[in-house]
Amino acid sequence: MRVRTFAALAPLIFAMAWVASGPAQAASPSFSCSKARSATERAICASPALATADRAHARLYANTAAKARRVSDANAVARVLQAERGVRSNRDACGTDAACIRAAYSTGNSKMTAFLKQLD
């Protein structure tokens, strides 16, 4: 009898768990969309794919900068910061062109990955 009761209640339990989990959270960029100033930042906020790319790049940049600081290489820290400024400048020059923004992040990710390898 217990197995039959559980089998009858399983769909209800699953539905309740699904409802309780709430809606899927939309991707958000590494910055506050309420403070987005440029057309590029607003485009990133409007696109879950670009927001995800922004957050991934921000994470990679933070990890690279932290590693440069850990190895106490002031020159490396300066190069990482300069590279990040270049990424943002290239990204912001894209305006609302999503493909351009993705390409800027891709190039920036390649640079940050290369820095990480140099710091090993």
PDB file of N, CA and C in Angstrom:
ATOM      1  N   MET A   1       0.816  -1.190   0.000  1.00  0.00           N
ATOM      2  CA  MET A   1       0.000   0.000   0.000  1.00  0.00           C
ATOM      3  C   MET A   1       0.867   1.264   0.000  1.00  0.00           C
ATOM      4  N   ARG A   2       1.989   1.237   0.765  1.00  0.00           N
ATOM      5  CA  ARG A   2       2.858   2.418   0.819  1.00  0.00           C
ATOM      6  C   ARG A   2       3.453   2.737  -0.538  1.00  0.00           C
ATOM      7  N   VAL A   3       3.893   1.735  -1.273  1.00  0.00           N
ATOM      8  CA  VAL A   3       4.476   1.960  -2.581  1.00  0.00           C
ATOM      9  C   VAL A   3       3.452   2.597  -3.504  1.00  0.00           C
ATOM     10  N   ARG A   4       2.220   2.129  -3.453  1.00  0.00           N
ATOM     11  CA  ARG A   4       1.172   2.670  -4.300  1.00  0.00           C
ATOM     12  C   ARG A   4       0.889   4.124  -3.917  1.00  0.00           C
ATOM     13  N   THR A   5       0.877   4.432  -2.621  1.00  0.00           N
ATOM     14  CA  THR A   5       0.634   5.805  -2.167  1.00  0.00           C
ATOM     15  C   THR A   5       1.747   6.729  -2.649  1.00  0.00           C
ATOM     16  N   PHE A   6       2.999   6.290  -2.514  1.00  0.00           N
ATOM     17  CA  PHE A   6       4.125   7.101  -2.971  1.00  0.00           C
ATOM     18  C   PHE A   6       4.041   7.316  -4.480  1.00  0.00           C
ATOM     19  N   ALA A   7       3.736   6.250  -5.209  1.00  0.00           N
ATOM     20  CA  ALA A   7       3.626   6.360  -6.665  1.00  0.00           C
ATOM     21  C   ALA A   7       2.544   7.358  -7.059  1.00  0.00           C
ATOM     22  N   ALA A   8       1.461   7.384  -6.300  1.00  0.00           N
ATOM     23  CA  ALA A   8       0.378   8.317  -6.598  1.00  0.00           C
ATOM     24  C   ALA A   8       0.776   9.752  -6.256  1.00  0.00           C
ATOM     25  N   LEU A   9       1.583   9.916  -5.225  1.00  0.00           N
ATOM     26  CA  LEU A   9       1.968  11.253  -4.778  1.00  0.00           C
ATOM     27  C   LEU A   9       3.223  11.791  -5.464  1.00  0.00           C
ATOM     28  N   ALA A  10       3.992  10.940  -6.091  1.00  0.00           N
ATOM     29  CA  ALA A  10       5.253  11.366  -6.701  1.00  0.00           C
ATOM     30  C   ALA A  10       5.078  12.543  -7.661  1.00  0.00           C
ATOM     31  N   PRO A  11       4.111  12.525  -8.586  1.00  0.00           N
ATOM     32  CA  PRO A  11       3.961  13.688  -9.472  1.00  0.00           C
ATOM     33  C   PRO A  11       3.647  14.980  -8.710  1.00  0.00           C
ATOM     34  N   LEU A  12       2.858  14.868  -7.657  1.00  0.00           N
ATOM     35  CA  LEU A  12       2.521  16.040  -6.853  1.00  0.00           C
ATOM     36  C   LEU A  12       3.759  16.568  -6.133  1.00  0.00           C
ATOM     37  N   ILE A  13       4.549  15.671  -5.573  1.00  0.00           N
ATOM     38  CA  ILE A  13       5.776  16.070  -4.876  1.00  0.00           C
ATOM     39  C   ILE A  13       6.729  16.738  -5.851  1.00  0.00           C
ATOM     40  N   PHE A  14       6.884  16.160  -7.032  1.00  0.00           N
ATOM     41  CA  PHE A  14       7.760  16.743  -8.044  1.00  0.00           C
ATOM     42  C   PHE A  14       7.278  18.137  -8.440  1.00  0.00           C
ATOM     43  N   ALA A  15       5.978  18.290  -8.657  1.00  0.00           N
ATOM     44  CA  ALA A  15       5.420  19.590  -9.058  1.00  0.00           C
ATOM     45  C   ALA A  15       5.631  20.636  -7.973  1.00  0.00           C
ATOM     46  N   MET A  16       5.457  20.242  -6.721  1.00  0.00           N
ATOM     47  CA  MET A  16       5.653  21.190  -5.617  1.00  0.00           C
ATOM     48  C   MET A  16       7.111  21.614  -5.524  1.00  0.00           C
ATOM     49  N   ALA A  17       8.013  20.678  -5.706  1.00  0.00           N
ATOM     50  CA  ALA A  17       9.439  21.012  -5.662  1.00  0.00           C
ATOM     51  C   ALA A  17       9.806  21.942  -6.806  1.00  0.00           C
ATOM     52  N   TRP A  18       9.243  21.698  -7.982  1.00  0.00           N
ATOM     53  CA  TRP A  18       9.535  22.532  -9.139  1.00  0.00           C
ATOM     54  C   TRP A  18       9.022  23.950  -8.923  1.00  0.00           C
ATOM     55  N   VAL A  19       7.819  24.103  -8.416  1.00  0.00           N
ATOM     56  CA  VAL A  19       7.239  25.424  -8.146  1.00  0.00           C
ATOM     57  C   VAL A  19       8.038  26.135  -7.063  1.00  0.00           C
ATOM     58  N   ALA A  20       8.448  25.414  -6.037  1.00  0.00           N
ATOM     59  CA  ALA A  20       9.197  26.018  -4.936  1.00  0.00           C
ATOM     60  C   ALA A  20      10.565  26.511  -5.383  1.00  0.00           C
ATOM     61  N   SER A  21      11.101  25.886  -6.424  1.00  0.00           N
ATOM     62  CA  SER A  21      12.424  26.307  -6.889  1.00  0.00           C
ATOM     63  C   SER A  21      12.370  27.663  -7.572  1.00  0.00           C
ATOM     64  N   GLY A  22      11.198  28.107  -7.970  1.00  0.00           N
ATOM     65  CA  GLY A  22      11.027  29.423  -8.573  1.00  0.00           C
ATOM     66  C   GLY A  22      11.501  29.443 -10.010  1.00  0.00           C
ATOM     67  N   PRO A  23      11.320  30.580 -10.653  1.00  0.00           N
ATOM     68  CA  PRO A  23      11.733  30.678 -12.043  1.00  0.00           C
ATOM     69  C   PRO A  23      13.252  30.680 -12.151  1.00  0.00           C
ATOM     70  N   ALA A  24      13.738  30.264 -13.289  1.00  0.00           N
ATOM     71  CA  ALA A  24      15.180  30.281 -13.507  1.00  0.00           C
ATOM     72  C   ALA A  24      15.656  31.727 -13.455  1.00  0.00           C
ATOM     73  N   GLN A  25      16.771  31.926 -12.800  1.00  0.00           N
ATOM     74  CA  GLN A  25      17.302  33.279 -12.663  1.00  0.00           C
ATOM     75  C   GLN A  25      17.966  33.692 -13.968  1.00  0.00           C
ATOM     76  N   ALA A  26      17.634  34.876 -14.427  1.00  0.00           N
ATOM     77  CA  ALA A  26      18.208  35.385 -15.664  1.00  0.00           C
ATOM     78  C   ALA A  26      19.694  35.659 -15.456  1.00  0.00           C
ATOM     79  N   ALA A  27      20.454  35.498 -16.527  1.00  0.00           N
ATOM     80  CA  ALA A  27      21.880  35.781 -16.459  1.00  0.00           C
ATOM     81  C   ALA A  27      22.072  37.262 -16.197  1.00  0.00           C
ATOM     82  N   SER A  28      23.021  37.573 -15.356  1.00  0.00           N
ATOM     83  CA  SER A  28      23.321  38.977 -15.090  1.00  0.00           C
ATOM     84  C   SER A  28      24.806  39.208 -15.293  1.00  0.00           C
ATOM     85  N   PRO A  29      25.165  40.386 -15.797  1.00  0.00           N
ATOM     86  CA  PRO A  29      26.575  40.682 -16.022  1.00  0.00           C
ATOM     87  C   PRO A  29      27.301  40.967 -14.709  1.00  0.00           C
ATOM     88  N   SER A  30      28.568  41.269 -14.815  1.00  0.00           N
ATOM     89  CA  SER A  30      29.392  41.512 -13.629  1.00  0.00           C
ATOM     90  C   SER A  30      29.141  42.895 -13.023  1.00  0.00           C
ATOM     91  N   PHE A  31      28.401  43.721 -13.717  1.00  0.00           N
ATOM     92  CA  PHE A  31      28.112  45.074 -13.231  1.00  0.00           C
ATOM     93  C   PHE A  31      26.616  45.227 -13.020  1.00  0.00           C
ATOM     94  N   SER A  32      26.232  46.280 -12.341  1.00  0.00           N
ATOM     95  CA  SER A  32      24.818  46.533 -12.067  1.00  0.00           C
ATOM     96  C   SER A  32      24.152  47.144 -13.296  1.00  0.00           C
ATOM     97  N   CYS A  33      23.139  46.458 -13.799  1.00  0.00           N
ATOM     98  CA  CYS A  33      22.438  46.975 -14.981  1.00  0.00           C
ATOM     99  C   CYS A  33      21.712  48.287 -14.687  1.00  0.00           C
ATOM    100  N   SER A  34      21.366  48.517 -13.436  1.00  0.00           N
ATOM    101  CA  SER A  34      20.703  49.781 -13.104  1.00  0.00           C
ATOM    102  C   SER A  34      21.664  50.958 -13.236  1.00  0.00           C
ATOM    103  N   LYS A  35      22.964  50.668 -13.286  1.00  0.00           N
ATOM    104  CA  LYS A  35      23.969  51.726 -13.436  1.00  0.00           C
ATOM    105  C   LYS A  35      24.638  51.693 -14.806  1.00  0.00           C
ATOM    106  N   ALA A  36      24.080  50.916 -15.739  1.00  0.00           N
ATOM    107  CA  ALA A  36      24.648  50.827 -17.085  1.00  0.00           C
ATOM    108  C   ALA A  36      24.611  52.204 -17.736  1.00  0.00           C
ATOM    109  N   ARG A  37      25.779  52.667 -18.189  1.00  0.00           N
ATOM    110  CA  ARG A  37      25.871  54.008 -18.750  1.00  0.00           C
ATOM    111  C   ARG A  37      25.938  54.021 -20.265  1.00  0.00           C
ATOM    112  N   SER A  38      26.639  53.063 -20.828  1.00  0.00           N
ATOM    113  CA  SER A  38      26.853  53.103 -22.279  1.00  0.00           C
ATOM    114  C   SER A  38      25.852  52.214 -23.015  1.00  0.00           C
ATOM    115  N   ALA A  39      25.774  52.434 -24.320  1.00  0.00           N
ATOM    116  CA  ALA A  39      24.909  51.590 -25.159  1.00  0.00           C
ATOM    117  C   ALA A  39      25.386  50.139 -25.094  1.00  0.00           C
ATOM    118  N   THR A  40      26.696  49.945 -25.015  1.00  0.00           N
ATOM    119  CA  THR A  40      27.250  48.593 -24.933  1.00  0.00           C
ATOM    120  C   THR A  40      26.815  47.916 -23.644  1.00  0.00           C
ATOM    121  N   GLU A  41      26.911  48.608 -22.529  1.00  0.00           N
ATOM    122  CA  GLU A  41      26.487  48.021 -21.251  1.00  0.00           C
ATOM    123  C   GLU A  41      24.996  47.697 -21.267  1.00  0.00           C
ATOM    124  N   ARG A  42      24.207  48.563 -21.852  1.00  0.00           N
ATOM    125  CA  ARG A  42      22.765  48.288 -21.935  1.00  0.00           C
ATOM    126  C   ARG A  42      22.486  47.079 -22.835  1.00  0.00           C
ATOM    127  N   ALA A  43      23.271  46.934 -23.904  1.00  0.00           N
ATOM    128  CA  ALA A  43      23.122  45.770 -24.784  1.00  0.00           C
ATOM    129  C   ALA A  43      23.488  44.488 -24.036  1.00  0.00           C
ATOM    130  N   ILE A  44      24.516  44.550 -23.223  1.00  0.00           N
ATOM    131  CA  ILE A  44      24.918  43.384 -22.428  1.00  0.00           C
ATOM    132  C   ILE A  44      23.813  43.024 -21.439  1.00  0.00           C
ATOM    133  N   CYS A  45      23.231  44.013 -20.815  1.00  0.00           N
ATOM    134  CA  CYS A  45      22.146  43.763 -19.859  1.00  0.00           C
ATOM    135  C   CYS A  45      20.917  43.168 -20.540  1.00  0.00           C
ATOM    136  N   ALA A  46      20.694  43.519 -21.795  1.00  0.00           N
ATOM    137  CA  ALA A  46      19.508  43.053 -22.518  1.00  0.00           C
ATOM    138  C   ALA A  46      19.671  41.644 -23.084  1.00  0.00           C
ATOM    139  N   SER A  47      20.890  41.133 -23.088  1.00  0.00           N
ATOM    140  CA  SER A  47      21.150  39.831 -23.706  1.00  0.00           C
ATOM    141  C   SER A  47      21.703  38.839 -22.680  1.00  0.00           C
ATOM    142  N   PRO A  48      20.967  37.780 -22.384  1.00  0.00           N
ATOM    143  CA  PRO A  48      21.487  36.777 -21.451  1.00  0.00           C
ATOM    144  C   PRO A  48      22.826  36.183 -21.908  1.00  0.00           C
ATOM    145  N   ALA A  49      22.998  35.999 -23.211  1.00  0.00           N
ATOM    146  CA  ALA A  49      24.256  35.432 -23.713  1.00  0.00           C
ATOM    147  C   ALA A  49      25.423  36.391 -23.480  1.00  0.00           C
ATOM    148  N   LEU A  50      25.200  37.685 -23.741  1.00  0.00           N
ATOM    149  CA  LEU A  50      26.265  38.659 -23.515  1.00  0.00           C
ATOM    150  C   LEU A  50      26.518  38.851 -22.025  1.00  0.00           C
ATOM    151  N   ALA A  51      25.463  38.803 -21.221  1.00  0.00           N
ATOM    152  CA  ALA A  51      25.635  38.921 -19.769  1.00  0.00           C
ATOM    153  C   ALA A  51      26.469  37.759 -19.235  1.00  0.00           C
ATOM    154  N   THR A  52      26.218  36.576 -19.758  1.00  0.00           N
ATOM    155  CA  THR A  52      26.993  35.397 -19.352  1.00  0.00           C
ATOM    156  C   THR A  52      28.448  35.546 -19.787  1.00  0.00           C
ATOM    157  N   ALA A  53      28.675  36.037 -21.000  1.00  0.00           N
ATOM    158  CA  ALA A  53      30.036  36.249 -21.487  1.00  0.00           C
ATOM    159  C   ALA A  53      30.755  37.292 -20.631  1.00  0.00           C
ATOM    160  N   ASP A  54      30.042  38.353 -20.252  1.00  0.00           N
ATOM    161  CA  ASP A  54      30.632  39.385 -19.409  1.00  0.00           C
ATOM    162  C   ASP A  54      31.032  38.817 -18.051  1.00  0.00           C
ATOM    163  N   ARG A  55      30.146  38.062 -17.451  1.00  0.00           N
ATOM    164  CA  ARG A  55      30.440  37.492 -16.128  1.00  0.00           C
ATOM    165  C   ARG A  55      31.620  36.522 -16.210  1.00  0.00           C
ATOM    166  N   ALA A  56      31.669  35.709 -17.256  1.00  0.00           N
ATOM    167  CA  ALA A  56      32.778  34.758 -17.421  1.00  0.00           C
ATOM    168  C   ALA A  56      34.101  35.501 -17.592  1.00  0.00           C
ATOM    169  N   HIS A  57      34.079  36.571 -18.393  1.00  0.00           N
ATOM    170  CA  HIS A  57      35.312  37.343 -18.582  1.00  0.00           C
ATOM    171  C   HIS A  57      35.732  38.014 -17.274  1.00  0.00           C
ATOM    172  N   ALA A  58      34.776  38.567 -16.562  1.00  0.00           N
ATOM    173  CA  ALA A  58      35.098  39.235 -15.294  1.00  0.00           C
ATOM    174  C   ALA A  58      35.735  38.253 -14.307  1.00  0.00           C
ATOM    175  N   ARG A  59      35.225  37.029 -14.290  1.00  0.00           N
ATOM    176  CA  ARG A  59      35.778  35.994 -13.402  1.00  0.00           C
ATOM    177  C   ARG A  59      37.216  35.650 -13.809  1.00  0.00           C
ATOM    178  N   LEU A  60      37.440  35.505 -15.113  1.00  0.00           N
ATOM    179  CA  LEU A  60      38.777  35.191 -15.616  1.00  0.00           C
ATOM    180  C   LEU A  60      39.748  36.335 -15.317  1.00  0.00           C
ATOM    181  N   TYR A  61      39.310  37.563 -15.532  1.00  0.00           N
ATOM    182  CA  TYR A  61      40.153  38.727 -15.218  1.00  0.00           C
ATOM    183  C   TYR A  61      40.486  38.766 -13.723  1.00  0.00           C
ATOM    184  N   ALA A  62      39.499  38.563 -12.876  1.00  0.00           N
ATOM    185  CA  ALA A  62      39.736  38.591 -11.432  1.00  0.00           C
ATOM    186  C   ALA A  62      40.729  37.508 -11.015  1.00  0.00           C
ATOM    187  N   ASN A  63      40.591  36.325 -11.575  1.00  0.00           N
ATOM    188  CA  ASN A  63      41.521  35.236 -11.257  1.00  0.00           C
ATOM    189  C   ASN A  63      42.934  35.544 -11.733  1.00  0.00           C
ATOM    190  N   THR A  64      43.040  36.132 -12.919  1.00  0.00           N
ATOM    191  CA  THR A  64      44.347  36.475 -13.473  1.00  0.00           C
ATOM    192  C   THR A  64      45.014  37.565 -12.645  1.00  0.00           C
ATOM    193  N   ALA A  65      44.254  38.603 -12.306  1.00  0.00           N
ATOM    194  CA  ALA A  65      44.815  39.692 -11.496  1.00  0.00           C
ATOM    195  C   ALA A  65      45.227  39.185 -10.117  1.00  0.00           C
ATOM    196  N   ALA A  66      44.418  38.321  -9.528  1.00  0.00           N
ATOM    197  CA  ALA A  66      44.752  37.778  -8.206  1.00  0.00           C
ATOM    198  C   ALA A  66      46.027  36.949  -8.262  1.00  0.00           C
ATOM    199  N   LYS A  67      46.166  36.155  -9.315  1.00  0.00           N
ATOM    200  CA  LYS A  67      47.379  35.339  -9.436  1.00  0.00           C
ATOM    201  C   LYS A  67      48.607  36.222  -9.630  1.00  0.00           C
ATOM    202  N   ALA A  68      48.474  37.288 -10.411  1.00  0.00           N
ATOM    203  CA  ALA A  68      49.598  38.214 -10.608  1.00  0.00           C
ATOM    204  C   ALA A  68      49.997  38.853  -9.283  1.00  0.00           C
ATOM    205  N   ARG A  69      49.014  39.191  -8.459  1.00  0.00           N
ATOM    206  CA  ARG A  69      49.331  39.763  -7.142  1.00  0.00           C
ATOM    207  C   ARG A  69      49.977  38.728  -6.226  1.00  0.00           C
ATOM    208  N   ARG A  70      49.509  37.472  -6.297  1.00  0.00           N
ATOM    209  CA  ARG A  70      50.063  36.417  -5.436  1.00  0.00           C
ATOM    210  C   ARG A  70      51.530  36.144  -5.744  1.00  0.00           C
ATOM    211  N   VAL A  71      51.908  36.227  -7.006  1.00  0.00           N
ATOM    212  CA  VAL A  71      53.307  35.974  -7.348  1.00  0.00           C
ATOM    213  C   VAL A  71      54.148  37.234  -7.159  1.00  0.00           C
ATOM    214  N   SER A  72      53.506  38.281  -6.673  1.00  0.00           N
ATOM    215  CA  SER A  72      54.186  39.550  -6.352  1.00  0.00           C
ATOM    216  C   SER A  72      54.981  40.098  -7.529  1.00  0.00           C
ATOM    217  N   ASP A  73      54.367  40.096  -8.678  1.00  0.00           N
ATOM    218  CA  ASP A  73      54.993  40.618  -9.886  1.00  0.00           C
ATOM    219  C   ASP A  73      54.252  41.892 -10.285  1.00  0.00           C
ATOM    220  N   ALA A  74      54.789  43.030  -9.874  1.00  0.00           N
ATOM    221  CA  ALA A  74      54.131  44.318 -10.146  1.00  0.00           C
ATOM    222  C   ALA A  74      53.985  44.557 -11.640  1.00  0.00           C
ATOM    223  N   ASN A  75      54.967  44.123 -12.411  1.00  0.00           N
ATOM    224  CA  ASN A  75      54.903  44.291 -13.862  1.00  0.00           C
ATOM    225  C   ASN A  75      53.755  43.462 -14.438  1.00  0.00           C
ATOM    226  N   ALA A  76      53.579  42.260 -13.942  1.00  0.00           N
ATOM    227  CA  ALA A  76      52.478  41.407 -14.412  1.00  0.00           C
ATOM    228  C   ALA A  76      51.134  42.016 -14.054  1.00  0.00           C
ATOM    229  N   VAL A  77      51.019  42.546 -12.850  1.00  0.00           N
ATOM    230  CA  VAL A  77      49.769  43.182 -12.429  1.00  0.00           C
ATOM    231  C   VAL A  77      49.447  44.342 -13.367  1.00  0.00           C
ATOM    232  N   ALA A  78      50.452  45.151 -13.684  1.00  0.00           N
ATOM    233  CA  ALA A  78      50.244  46.295 -14.578  1.00  0.00           C
ATOM    234  C   ALA A  78      49.842  45.834 -15.980  1.00  0.00           C
ATOM    235  N   ARG A  79      50.465  44.750 -16.474  1.00  0.00           N
ATOM    236  CA  ARG A  79      50.126  44.243 -17.810  1.00  0.00           C
ATOM    237  C   ARG A  79      48.705  43.693 -17.854  1.00  0.00           C
ATOM    238  N   VAL A  80      48.296  43.015 -16.794  1.00  0.00           N
ATOM    239  CA  VAL A  80      46.930  42.476 -16.733  1.00  0.00           C
ATOM    240  C   VAL A  80      45.926  43.624 -16.716  1.00  0.00           C
ATOM    241  N   LEU A  81      46.191  44.637 -15.910  1.00  0.00           N
ATOM    242  CA  LEU A  81      45.300  45.801 -15.840  1.00  0.00           C
ATOM    243  C   LEU A  81      45.231  46.512 -17.185  1.00  0.00           C
ATOM    244  N   GLN A  82      46.363  46.668 -17.839  1.00  0.00           N
ATOM    245  CA  GLN A  82      46.385  47.319 -19.148  1.00  0.00           C
ATOM    246  C   GLN A  82      45.595  46.494 -20.163  1.00  0.00           C
ATOM    247  N   ALA A  83      45.753  45.180 -20.122  1.00  0.00           N
ATOM    248  CA  ALA A  83      45.006  44.317 -21.043  1.00  0.00           C
ATOM    249  C   ALA A  83      43.502  44.439 -20.801  1.00  0.00           C
ATOM    250  N   GLU A  84      43.105  44.488 -19.530  1.00  0.00           N
ATOM    251  CA  GLU A  84      41.677  44.613 -19.211  1.00  0.00           C
ATOM    252  C   GLU A  84      41.122  45.954 -19.687  1.00  0.00           C
ATOM    253  N   ARG A  85      41.902  46.998 -19.552  1.00  0.00           N
ATOM    254  CA  ARG A  85      41.451  48.301 -20.076  1.00  0.00           C
ATOM    255  C   ARG A  85      41.254  48.230 -21.586  1.00  0.00           C
ATOM    256  N   GLY A  86      42.143  47.511 -22.262  1.00  0.00           N
ATOM    257  CA  GLY A  86      42.011  47.327 -23.711  1.00  0.00           C
ATOM    258  C   GLY A  86      40.760  46.547 -24.066  1.00  0.00           C
ATOM    259  N   VAL A  87      40.469  45.506 -23.290  1.00  0.00           N
ATOM    260  CA  VAL A  87      39.259  44.706 -23.533  1.00  0.00           C
ATOM    261  C   VAL A  87      38.026  45.595 -23.403  1.00  0.00           C
ATOM    262  N   ARG A  88      37.976  46.373 -22.343  1.00  0.00           N
ATOM    263  CA  ARG A  88      36.801  47.242 -22.135  1.00  0.00           C
ATOM    264  C   ARG A  88      36.688  48.299 -23.219  1.00  0.00           C
ATOM    265  N   SER A  89      37.824  48.851 -23.632  1.00  0.00           N
ATOM    266  CA  SER A  89      37.811  49.855 -24.693  1.00  0.00           C
ATOM    267  C   SER A  89      37.306  49.246 -25.997  1.00  0.00           C
ATOM    268  N   ASN A  90      37.812  48.061 -26.337  1.00  0.00           N
ATOM    269  CA  ASN A  90      37.361  47.380 -27.558  1.00  0.00           C
ATOM    270  C   ASN A  90      35.884  47.020 -27.464  1.00  0.00           C
ATOM    271  N   ARG A  91      35.467  46.525 -26.302  1.00  0.00           N
ATOM    272  CA  ARG A  91      34.066  46.159 -26.086  1.00  0.00           C
ATOM    273  C   ARG A  91      33.171  47.386 -26.233  1.00  0.00           C
ATOM    274  N   ASP A  92      33.555  48.480 -25.606  1.00  0.00           N
ATOM    275  CA  ASP A  92      32.721  49.683 -25.639  1.00  0.00           C
ATOM    276  C   ASP A  92      32.652  50.315 -27.025  1.00  0.00           C
ATOM    277  N   ALA A  93      33.680  50.068 -27.844  1.00  0.00           N
ATOM    278  CA  ALA A  93      33.671  50.596 -29.214  1.00  0.00           C
ATOM    279  C   ALA A  93      32.653  49.847 -30.079  1.00  0.00           C
ATOM    280  N   CYS A  94      32.152  48.720 -29.593  1.00  0.00           N
ATOM    281  CA  CYS A  94      31.198  47.902 -30.357  1.00  0.00           C
ATOM    282  C   CYS A  94      29.797  48.494 -30.392  1.00  0.00           C
ATOM    283  N   GLY A  95      29.498  49.381 -29.480  1.00  0.00           N
ATOM    284  CA  GLY A  95      28.130  49.886 -29.408  1.00  0.00           C
ATOM    285  C   GLY A  95      27.199  48.744 -29.039  1.00  0.00           C
ATOM    286  N   THR A  96      26.182  48.528 -29.852  1.00  0.00           N
ATOM    287  CA  THR A  96      25.209  47.471 -29.556  1.00  0.00           C
ATOM    288  C   THR A  96      25.410  46.228 -30.426  1.00  0.00           C
ATOM    289  N   ASP A  97      26.510  46.149 -31.146  1.00  0.00           N
ATOM    290  CA  ASP A  97      26.807  45.020 -32.036  1.00  0.00           C
ATOM    291  C   ASP A  97      27.203  43.792 -31.207  1.00  0.00           C
ATOM    292  N   ALA A  98      26.266  42.862 -31.060  1.00  0.00           N
ATOM    293  CA  ALA A  98      26.481  41.696 -30.198  1.00  0.00           C
ATOM    294  C   ALA A  98      27.671  40.847 -30.648  1.00  0.00           C
ATOM    295  N   ALA A  99      27.828  40.656 -31.947  1.00  0.00           N
ATOM    296  CA  ALA A  99      28.948  39.845 -32.442  1.00  0.00           C
ATOM    297  C   ALA A  99      30.282  40.506 -32.098  1.00  0.00           C
ATOM    298  N   CYS A 100      30.337  41.795 -32.213  1.00  0.00           N
ATOM    299  CA  CYS A 100      31.549  42.552 -31.875  1.00  0.00           C
ATOM    300  C   CYS A 100      31.852  42.432 -30.383  1.00  0.00           C
ATOM    301  N   ILE A 101      30.817  42.540 -29.552  1.00  0.00           N
ATOM    302  CA  ILE A 101      31.001  42.432 -28.100  1.00  0.00           C
ATOM    303  C   ILE A 101      31.519  41.042 -27.751  1.00  0.00           C
ATOM    304  N   ARG A 102      30.927  40.007 -28.350  1.00  0.00           N
ATOM    305  CA  ARG A 102      31.392  38.629 -28.107  1.00  0.00           C
ATOM    306  C   ARG A 102      32.853  38.476 -28.524  1.00  0.00           C
ATOM    307  N   ALA A 103      33.215  39.059 -29.669  1.00  0.00           N
ATOM    308  CA  ALA A 103      34.591  38.969 -30.160  1.00  0.00           C
ATOM    309  C   ALA A 103      35.557  39.682 -29.210  1.00  0.00           C
ATOM    310  N   ALA A 104      35.135  40.824 -28.675  1.00  0.00           N
ATOM    311  CA  ALA A 104      35.989  41.546 -27.724  1.00  0.00           C
ATOM    312  C   ALA A 104      36.232  40.703 -26.479  1.00  0.00           C
ATOM    313  N   TYR A 105      35.184  40.043 -25.986  1.00  0.00           N
ATOM    314  CA  TYR A 105      35.357  39.170 -24.820  1.00  0.00           C
ATOM    315  C   TYR A 105      36.226  37.966 -25.167  1.00  0.00           C
ATOM    316  N   SER A 106      36.047  37.405 -26.333  1.00  0.00           N
ATOM    317  CA  SER A 106      36.838  36.250 -26.744  1.00  0.00           C
ATOM    318  C   SER A 106      38.324  36.605 -26.810  1.00  0.00           C
ATOM    319  N   THR A 107      38.620  37.735 -27.419  1.00  0.00           N
ATOM    320  CA  THR A 107      40.009  38.196 -27.492  1.00  0.00           C
ATOM    321  C   THR A 107      40.560  38.453 -26.096  1.00  0.00           C
ATOM    322  N   GLY A 108      39.768  39.095 -25.264  1.00  0.00           N
ATOM    323  CA  GLY A 108      40.189  39.371 -23.893  1.00  0.00           C
ATOM    324  C   GLY A 108      40.424  38.100 -23.098  1.00  0.00           C
ATOM    325  N   ASN A 109      39.553  37.110 -23.297  1.00  0.00           N
ATOM    326  CA  ASN A 109      39.723  35.832 -22.600  1.00  0.00           C
ATOM    327  C   ASN A 109      41.017  35.150 -23.027  1.00  0.00           C
ATOM    328  N   SER A 110      41.344  35.253 -24.309  1.00  0.00           N
ATOM    329  CA  SER A 110      42.596  34.658 -24.805  1.00  0.00           C
ATOM    330  C   SER A 110      43.801  35.334 -24.155  1.00  0.00           C
ATOM    331  N   LYS A 111      43.741  36.661 -24.030  1.00  0.00           N
ATOM    332  CA  LYS A 111      44.845  37.388 -23.395  1.00  0.00           C
ATOM    333  C   LYS A 111      44.986  37.001 -21.929  1.00  0.00           C
ATOM    334  N   MET A 112      43.861  36.929 -21.226  1.00  0.00           N
ATOM    335  CA  MET A 112      43.920  36.589 -19.805  1.00  0.00           C
ATOM    336  C   MET A 112      44.424  35.161 -19.596  1.00  0.00           C
ATOM    337  N   THR A 113      44.013  34.256 -20.469  1.00  0.00           N
ATOM    338  CA  THR A 113      44.470  32.870 -20.385  1.00  0.00           C
ATOM    339  C   THR A 113      45.975  32.800 -20.632  1.00  0.00           C
ATOM    340  N   ALA A 114      46.466  33.580 -21.586  1.00  0.00           N
ATOM    341  CA  ALA A 114      47.903  33.610 -21.869  1.00  0.00           C
ATOM    342  C   ALA A 114      48.666  34.160 -20.653  1.00  0.00           C
ATOM    343  N   PHE A 115      48.131  35.196 -20.019  1.00  0.00           N
ATOM    344  CA  PHE A 115      48.780  35.731 -18.806  1.00  0.00           C
ATOM    345  C   PHE A 115      48.826  34.674 -17.704  1.00  0.00           C
ATOM    346  N   LEU A 116      47.717  33.952 -17.520  1.00  0.00           N
ATOM    347  CA  LEU A 116      47.694  32.907 -16.496  1.00  0.00           C
ATOM    348  C   LEU A 116      48.791  31.870 -16.742  1.00  0.00           C
ATOM    349  N   LYS A 117      48.967  31.465 -17.994  1.00  0.00           N
ATOM    350  CA  LYS A 117      49.995  30.486 -18.315  1.00  0.00           C
ATOM    351  C   LYS A 117      51.388  31.043 -18.045  1.00  0.00           C
ATOM    352  N   GLN A 118      51.610  32.327 -18.332  1.00  0.00           N
ATOM    353  CA  GLN A 118      52.902  32.944 -18.069  1.00  0.00           C
ATOM    354  C   GLN A 118      53.205  33.006 -16.569  1.00  0.00           C
ATOM    355  N   LEU A 119      52.165  33.106 -15.770  1.00  0.00           N
ATOM    356  CA  LEU A 119      52.357  33.237 -14.317  1.00  0.00           C
ATOM    357  C   LEU A 119      52.583  31.897 -13.626  1.00  0.00           C
ATOM    358  N   ASP A 120      52.399  30.806 -14.351  1.00  0.00           N
ATOM    359  CA  ASP A 120      52.627  29.472 -13.753  1.00  0.00           C
ATOM    360  C   ASP A 120      54.097  29.205 -13.507  1.00  0.00           C
TER     361      ASP A 120
END
